[in-house]
PDB file of N, CA and C in Angstrom:
ATOM      1  N   MET A   1     220.751 176.758 -14.639  1.00  0.00           N
ATOM      2  CA  MET A   1     220.454 175.491 -15.295  1.00  0.00           C
ATOM      3  C   MET A   1     220.869 175.589 -16.760  1.00  0.00           C
ATOM      4  N   LYS A   2     221.543 174.604 -17.237  1.00  0.00           N
ATOM      5  CA  LYS A   2     221.988 174.569 -18.624  1.00  0.00           C
ATOM      6  C   LYS A   2     220.815 174.291 -19.555  1.00  0.00           C
ATOM      7  N   GLN A   3     220.958 174.746 -20.788  1.00  0.00           N
ATOM      8  CA  GLN A   3     219.929 174.466 -21.779  1.00  0.00           C
ATOM      9  C   GLN A   3     219.844 172.955 -21.996  1.00  0.00           C
ATOM     10  N   GLY A   4     218.629 172.431 -21.989  1.00  0.00           N
ATOM     11  CA  GLY A   4     218.424 171.004 -22.180  1.00  0.00           C
ATOM     12  C   GLY A   4     218.504 170.202 -20.890  1.00  0.00           C
ATOM     13  N   ASP A   5     218.907 170.870 -19.798  1.00  0.00           N
ATOM     14  CA  ASP A   5     218.985 170.203 -18.496  1.00  0.00           C
ATOM     15  C   ASP A   5     217.600 170.211 -17.882  1.00  0.00           C
ATOM     16  N   THR A   6     217.096 169.042 -17.524  1.00  0.00           N
ATOM     17  CA  THR A   6     215.741 168.960 -16.981  1.00  0.00           C
ATOM     18  C   THR A   6     215.751 168.766 -15.473  1.00  0.00           C
ATOM     19  N   SER A   7     216.849 169.123 -14.804  1.00  0.00           N
ATOM     20  CA  SER A   7     216.902 168.935 -13.365  1.00  0.00           C
ATOM     21  C   SER A   7     216.635 170.242 -12.642  1.00  0.00           C
ATOM     22  N   MET A   8     216.001 170.112 -11.486  1.00  0.00           N
ATOM     23  CA  MET A   8     215.756 171.257 -10.622  1.00  0.00           C
ATOM     24  C   MET A   8     215.566 170.744  -9.197  1.00  0.00           C
ATOM     25  N   LYS A   9     215.657 171.642  -8.231  1.00  0.00           N
ATOM     26  CA  LYS A   9     215.428 171.260  -6.849  1.00  0.00           C
ATOM     27  C   LYS A   9     213.929 171.322  -6.605  1.00  0.00           C
ATOM     28  N   VAL A  10     213.370 170.220  -6.103  1.00  0.00           N
ATOM     29  CA  VAL A  10     211.936 170.085  -5.955  1.00  0.00           C
ATOM     30  C   VAL A  10     211.598 169.757  -4.501  1.00  0.00           C
ATOM     31  N   ALA A  11     210.548 170.376  -3.999  1.00  0.00           N
ATOM     32  CA  ALA A  11     210.063 170.068  -2.656  1.00  0.00           C
ATOM     33  C   ALA A  11     209.415 168.691  -2.662  1.00  0.00           C
ATOM     34  N   VAL A  12     209.515 168.017  -1.537  1.00  0.00           N
ATOM     35  CA  VAL A  12     208.929 166.690  -1.414  1.00  0.00           C
ATOM     36  C   VAL A  12     208.179 166.610  -0.091  1.00  0.00           C
ATOM     37  N   ASP A  13     207.013 166.001  -0.128  1.00  0.00           N
ATOM     38  CA  ASP A  13     206.221 165.782   1.072  1.00  0.00           C
ATOM     39  C   ASP A  13     206.571 164.398   1.606  1.00  0.00           C
ATOM     40  N   ILE A  14     206.867 164.296   2.901  1.00  0.00           N
ATOM     41  CA  ILE A  14     207.225 163.018   3.511  1.00  0.00           C
ATOM     42  C   ILE A  14     206.285 162.751   4.673  1.00  0.00           C
ATOM     43  N   VAL A  15     205.629 161.591   4.632  1.00  0.00           N
ATOM     44  CA  VAL A  15     204.672 161.212   5.661  1.00  0.00           C
ATOM     45  C   VAL A  15     205.034 159.828   6.187  1.00  0.00           C
ATOM     46  N   GLN A  16     205.094 159.700   7.513  1.00  0.00           N
ATOM     47  CA  GLN A  16     205.342 158.387   8.094  1.00  0.00           C
ATOM     48  C   GLN A  16     204.049 157.587   8.062  1.00  0.00           C
ATOM     49  N   GLU A  17     204.165 156.319   7.655  1.00  0.00           N
ATOM     50  CA  GLU A  17     203.001 155.432   7.603  1.00  0.00           C
ATOM     51  C   GLU A  17     203.495 153.991   7.589  1.00  0.00           C
ATOM     52  N   GLU A  18     202.592 153.077   7.791  1.00  0.00           N
ATOM     53  CA  GLU A  18     202.952 151.667   7.689  1.00  0.00           C
ATOM     54  C   GLU A  18     202.948 151.272   6.223  1.00  0.00           C
ATOM     55  N   VAL A  19     204.001 150.556   5.819  1.00  0.00           N
ATOM     56  CA  VAL A  19     204.090 150.077   4.442  1.00  0.00           C
ATOM     57  C   VAL A  19     204.143 148.558   4.459  1.00  0.00           C
ATOM     58  N   GLU A  20     203.643 147.958   3.409  1.00  0.00           N
ATOM     59  CA  GLU A  20     203.560 146.505   3.359  1.00  0.00           C
ATOM     60  C   GLU A  20     204.912 145.890   3.022  1.00  0.00           C
ATOM     61  N   GLY A  21     205.371 145.015   3.929  1.00  0.00           N
ATOM     62  CA  GLY A  21     206.603 144.269   3.716  1.00  0.00           C
ATOM     63  C   GLY A  21     206.297 142.818   3.403  1.00  0.00           C
ATOM     64  N   ASP A  22     207.324 141.995   3.339  1.00  0.00           N
ATOM     65  CA  ASP A  22     207.147 140.574   3.032  1.00  0.00           C
ATOM     66  C   ASP A  22     206.354 139.829   4.107  1.00  0.00           C
ATOM     67  N   TYR A  23     206.462 140.291   5.354  1.00  0.00           N
ATOM     68  CA  TYR A  23     205.826 139.580   6.465  1.00  0.00           C
ATOM     69  C   TYR A  23     204.836 140.450   7.211  1.00  0.00           C
ATOM     70  N   GLY A  24     204.166 141.323   6.503  1.00  0.00           N
ATOM     71  CA  GLY A  24     203.193 142.211   7.126  1.00  0.00           C
ATOM     72  C   GLY A  24     203.620 143.663   6.997  1.00  0.00           C
ATOM     73  N   TYR A  25     202.971 144.495   7.780  1.00  0.00           N
ATOM     74  CA  TYR A  25     203.233 145.925   7.709  1.00  0.00           C
ATOM     75  C   TYR A  25     204.357 146.328   8.652  1.00  0.00           C
ATOM     76  N   VAL A  26     205.174 147.279   8.202  1.00  0.00           N
ATOM     77  CA  VAL A  26     206.291 147.799   8.986  1.00  0.00           C
ATOM     78  C   VAL A  26     206.280 149.330   8.887  1.00  0.00           C
ATOM     79  N   ASP A  27     207.004 149.974   9.803  1.00  0.00           N
ATOM     80  CA  ASP A  27     207.104 151.434   9.767  1.00  0.00           C
ATOM     81  C   ASP A  27     207.870 151.863   8.524  1.00  0.00           C
ATOM     82  N   GLY A  28     207.382 152.899   7.895  1.00  0.00           N
ATOM     83  CA  GLY A  28     208.035 153.418   6.702  1.00  0.00           C
ATOM     84  C   GLY A  28     207.600 154.838   6.435  1.00  0.00           C
ATOM     85  N   ILE A  29     207.978 155.338   5.275  1.00  0.00           N
ATOM     86  CA  ILE A  29     207.591 156.681   4.863  1.00  0.00           C
ATOM     87  C   ILE A  29     207.125 156.666   3.411  1.00  0.00           C
ATOM     88  N   LYS A  30     206.233 157.600   3.120  1.00  0.00           N
ATOM     89  CA  LYS A  30     205.773 157.819   1.748  1.00  0.00           C
ATOM     90  C   LYS A  30     206.266 159.194   1.340  1.00  0.00           C
ATOM     91  N   LEU A  31     206.945 159.258   0.204  1.00  0.00           N
ATOM     92  CA  LEU A  31     207.456 160.517  -0.329  1.00  0.00           C
ATOM     93  C   LEU A  31     206.661 160.866  -1.576  1.00  0.00           C
ATOM     94  N   THR A  32     206.228 162.123  -1.661  1.00  0.00           N
ATOM     95  CA  THR A  32     205.450 162.589  -2.798  1.00  0.00           C
ATOM     96  C   THR A  32     206.132 163.806  -3.410  1.00  0.00           C
ATOM     97  N   CYS A  33     206.425 163.733  -4.694  1.00  0.00           N
ATOM     98  CA  CYS A  33     207.008 164.858  -5.425  1.00  0.00           C
ATOM     99  C   CYS A  33     205.957 165.962  -5.528  1.00  0.00           C
ATOM    100  N   GLU A  34     206.287 167.156  -5.047  1.00  0.00           N
ATOM    101  CA  GLU A  34     205.330 168.256  -5.099  1.00  0.00           C
ATOM    102  C   GLU A  34     205.272 168.908  -6.478  1.00  0.00           C
ATOM    103  N   HIS A  35     206.121 168.451  -7.391  1.00  0.00           N
ATOM    104  CA  HIS A  35     206.107 168.961  -8.770  1.00  0.00           C
ATOM    105  C   HIS A  35     205.100 168.195  -9.626  1.00  0.00           C
ATOM    106  N   CYS A  36     205.111 166.850  -9.511  1.00  0.00           N
ATOM    107  CA  CYS A  36     204.233 166.058 -10.386  1.00  0.00           C
ATOM    108  C   CYS A  36     203.290 165.123  -9.625  1.00  0.00           C
ATOM    109  N   GLY A  37     203.512 164.938  -8.317  1.00  0.00           N
ATOM    110  CA  GLY A  37     202.622 164.089  -7.530  1.00  0.00           C
ATOM    111  C   GLY A  37     203.015 162.622  -7.490  1.00  0.00           C
ATOM    112  N   HIS A  38     204.133 162.246  -8.130  1.00  0.00           N
ATOM    113  CA  HIS A  38     204.574 160.846  -8.096  1.00  0.00           C
ATOM    114  C   HIS A  38     204.924 160.459  -6.661  1.00  0.00           C
ATOM    115  N   GLU A  39     204.555 159.232  -6.260  1.00  0.00           N
ATOM    116  CA  GLU A  39     204.774 158.760  -4.898  1.00  0.00           C
ATOM    117  C   GLU A  39     205.614 157.495  -4.878  1.00  0.00           C
ATOM    118  N   VAL A  40     206.426 157.363  -3.820  1.00  0.00           N
ATOM    119  CA  VAL A  40     207.148 156.125  -3.549  1.00  0.00           C
ATOM    120  C   VAL A  40     207.044 155.841  -2.059  1.00  0.00           C
ATOM    121  N   GLN A  41     207.180 154.556  -1.699  1.00  0.00           N
ATOM    122  CA  GLN A  41     207.191 154.143  -0.303  1.00  0.00           C
ATOM    123  C   GLN A  41     208.492 153.423  -0.023  1.00  0.00           C
ATOM    124  N   VAL A  42     209.041 153.657   1.170  1.00  0.00           N
ATOM    125  CA  VAL A  42     210.273 152.989   1.573  1.00  0.00           C
ATOM    126  C   VAL A  42     210.135 152.517   3.015  1.00  0.00           C
ATOM    127  N   PHE A  43     210.888 151.474   3.343  1.00  0.00           N
ATOM    128  CA  PHE A  43     210.921 150.970   4.704  1.00  0.00           C
ATOM    129  C   PHE A  43     211.787 151.875   5.560  1.00  0.00           C
ATOM    130  N   GLY A  44     211.462 151.986   6.832  1.00  0.00           N
ATOM    131  CA  GLY A  44     212.230 152.794   7.766  1.00  0.00           C
ATOM    132  C   GLY A  44     211.730 154.222   7.802  1.00  0.00           C
ATOM    133  N   THR A  45     212.104 154.934   8.875  1.00  0.00           N
ATOM    134  CA  THR A  45     211.622 156.301   9.041  1.00  0.00           C
ATOM    135  C   THR A  45     212.760 157.305   9.245  1.00  0.00           C
ATOM    136  N   GLY A  46     213.994 156.873   9.138  1.00  0.00           N
ATOM    137  CA  GLY A  46     215.134 157.751   9.375  1.00  0.00           C
ATOM    138  C   GLY A  46     215.577 158.498   8.137  1.00  0.00           C
ATOM    139  N   SER A  47     216.670 159.255   8.321  1.00  0.00           N
ATOM    140  CA  SER A  47     217.174 160.073   7.224  1.00  0.00           C
ATOM    141  C   SER A  47     217.691 159.224   6.060  1.00  0.00           C
ATOM    142  N   ALA A  48     218.232 158.039   6.352  1.00  0.00           N
ATOM    143  CA  ALA A  48     218.697 157.156   5.269  1.00  0.00           C
ATOM    144  C   ALA A  48     217.516 156.705   4.412  1.00  0.00           C
ATOM    145  N   SER A  49     216.382 156.451   5.037  1.00  0.00           N
ATOM    146  CA  SER A  49     215.180 156.064   4.289  1.00  0.00           C
ATOM    147  C   SER A  49     214.699 157.218   3.426  1.00  0.00           C
ATOM    148  N   ALA A  50     214.762 158.439   3.952  1.00  0.00           N
ATOM    149  CA  ALA A  50     214.355 159.614   3.173  1.00  0.00           C
ATOM    150  C   ALA A  50     215.270 159.797   1.962  1.00  0.00           C
ATOM    151  N   ARG A  51     216.578 159.588   2.152  1.00  0.00           N
ATOM    152  CA  ARG A  51     217.512 159.695   1.019  1.00  0.00           C
ATOM    153  C   ARG A  51     217.224 158.620  -0.023  1.00  0.00           C
ATOM    154  N   ARG A  52     216.915 157.411   0.424  1.00  0.00           N
ATOM    155  CA  ARG A  52     216.581 156.323  -0.500  1.00  0.00           C
ATOM    156  C   ARG A  52     215.322 156.683  -1.285  1.00  0.00           C
ATOM    157  N   GLY A  53     214.319 157.192  -0.596  1.00  0.00           N
ATOM    158  CA  GLY A  53     213.079 157.588  -1.269  1.00  0.00           C
ATOM    159  C   GLY A  53     213.301 158.692  -2.290  1.00  0.00           C
ATOM    160  N   ALA A  54     214.144 159.669  -1.944  1.00  0.00           N
ATOM    161  CA  ALA A  54     214.454 160.752  -2.881  1.00  0.00           C
ATOM    162  C   ALA A  54     215.155 160.200  -4.116  1.00  0.00           C
ATOM    163  N   SER A  55     216.041 159.243  -3.906  1.00  0.00           N
ATOM    164  CA  SER A  55     216.731 158.599  -5.025  1.00  0.00           C
ATOM    165  C   SER A  55     215.736 157.850  -5.912  1.00  0.00           C
ATOM    166  N   MET A  56     214.799 157.161  -5.278  1.00  0.00           N
ATOM    167  CA  MET A  56     213.778 156.432  -6.043  1.00  0.00           C
ATOM    168  C   MET A  56     212.910 157.393  -6.847  1.00  0.00           C
ATOM    169  N   LEU A  57     212.531 158.528  -6.238  1.00  0.00           N
ATOM    170  CA  LEU A  57     211.731 159.513  -6.972  1.00  0.00           C
ATOM    171  C   LEU A  57     212.474 159.983  -8.215  1.00  0.00           C
ATOM    172  N   ARG A  58     213.773 160.226  -8.075  1.00  0.00           N
ATOM    173  CA  ARG A  58     214.587 160.682  -9.211  1.00  0.00           C
ATOM    174  C   ARG A  58     214.646 159.613 -10.299  1.00  0.00           C
ATOM    175  N   GLU A  59     214.857 158.347  -9.901  1.00  0.00           N
ATOM    176  CA  GLU A  59     214.967 157.246 -10.864  1.00  0.00           C
ATOM    177  C   GLU A  59     213.647 156.958 -11.572  1.00  0.00           C
ATOM    178  N   GLU A  60     212.539 157.123 -10.858  1.00  0.00           N
ATOM    179  CA  GLU A  60     211.226 156.729 -11.383  1.00  0.00           C
ATOM    180  C   GLU A  60     210.410 157.892 -11.938  1.00  0.00           C
ATOM    181  N   CYS A  61     210.987 159.077 -12.065  1.00  0.00           N
ATOM    182  CA  CYS A  61     210.213 160.251 -12.485  1.00  0.00           C
ATOM    183  C   CYS A  61     209.418 159.953 -13.764  1.00  0.00           C
ATOM    184  N   PRO A  62     208.098 160.084 -13.706  1.00  0.00           N
ATOM    185  CA  PRO A  62     207.288 159.782 -14.891  1.00  0.00           C
ATOM    186  C   PRO A  62     207.488 160.788 -16.024  1.00  0.00           C
ATOM    187  N   ASN A  63     208.092 161.950 -15.715  1.00  0.00           N
ATOM    188  CA  ASN A  63     208.340 162.970 -16.733  1.00  0.00           C
ATOM    189  C   ASN A  63     209.761 162.911 -17.285  1.00  0.00           C
ATOM    190  N   GLY A  64     210.547 161.940 -16.816  1.00  0.00           N
ATOM    191  CA  GLY A  64     211.909 161.789 -17.291  1.00  0.00           C
ATOM    192  C   GLY A  64     212.863 162.873 -16.802  1.00  0.00           C
ATOM    193  N   GLU A  65     212.494 163.573 -15.731  1.00  0.00           N
ATOM    194  CA  GLU A  65     213.344 164.626 -15.190  1.00  0.00           C
ATOM    195  C   GLU A  65     214.370 164.045 -14.227  1.00  0.00           C
ATOM    196  N   ASN A  66     215.452 164.761 -14.006  1.00  0.00           N
ATOM    197  CA  ASN A  66     216.506 164.356 -13.064  1.00  0.00           C
ATOM    198  C   ASN A  66     216.522 165.318 -11.888  1.00  0.00           C
ATOM    199  N   ASN A  67     215.425 165.399 -11.170  1.00  0.00           N
ATOM    200  CA  ASN A  67     215.275 166.372 -10.098  1.00  0.00           C
ATOM    201  C   ASN A  67     216.099 166.007  -8.866  1.00  0.00           C
ATOM    202  N   PHE A  68     216.407 167.028  -8.088  1.00  0.00           N
ATOM    203  CA  PHE A  68     217.000 166.857  -6.767  1.00  0.00           C
ATOM    204  C   PHE A  68     215.915 167.213  -5.766  1.00  0.00           C
ATOM    205  N   TYR A  69     215.679 166.352  -4.808  1.00  0.00           N
ATOM    206  CA  TYR A  69     214.585 166.520  -3.882  1.00  0.00           C
ATOM    207  C   TYR A  69     215.060 167.072  -2.556  1.00  0.00           C
ATOM    208  N   ASP A  70     214.389 168.108  -2.078  1.00  0.00           N
ATOM    209  CA  ASP A  70     214.758 168.783  -0.843  1.00  0.00           C
ATOM    210  C   ASP A  70     214.239 167.998   0.354  1.00  0.00           C
ATOM    211  N   ILE A  71     215.120 167.165   0.929  1.00  0.00           N
ATOM    212  CA  ILE A  71     214.748 166.371   2.107  1.00  0.00           C
ATOM    213  C   ILE A  71     215.518 166.817   3.337  1.00  0.00           C
ATOM    214  N   ASP A  72     216.312 167.896   3.223  1.00  0.00           N
ATOM    215  CA  ASP A  72     217.113 168.351   4.351  1.00  0.00           C
ATOM    216  C   ASP A  72     216.271 168.637   5.584  1.00  0.00           C
ATOM    217  N   TRP A  73     215.076 169.153   5.397  1.00  0.00           N
ATOM    218  CA  TRP A  73     214.206 169.473   6.527  1.00  0.00           C
ATOM    219  C   TRP A  73     213.814 168.230   7.313  1.00  0.00           C
ATOM    220  N   TYR A  74     213.792 167.063   6.659  1.00  0.00           N
ATOM    221  CA  TYR A  74     213.386 165.818   7.316  1.00  0.00           C
ATOM    222  C   TYR A  74     214.515 165.250   8.160  1.00  0.00           C
ATOM    223  N   GLU A  75     215.743 165.455   7.745  1.00  0.00           N
ATOM    224  CA  GLU A  75     216.904 164.900   8.428  1.00  0.00           C
ATOM    225  C   GLU A  75     217.129 165.685   9.674  1.00  0.00           C
TER     226      GLU A  75
END
């Protein structure tokens, strides 16, 4: 890691659950960063949804980090 680089590979917990959509609840997943505990929810339960959630975690990091989330185990 370069000096000043705040990115690292971080484990993520992924749990399937119903998430609230525009017309009620639908199948989705909740992703939780195991580094800071930040959570996001996404629609769908497949690998594309997991990638979207990992991207959201990176964009929304409350610590301003640019982490890479290990979701390979979910795919």
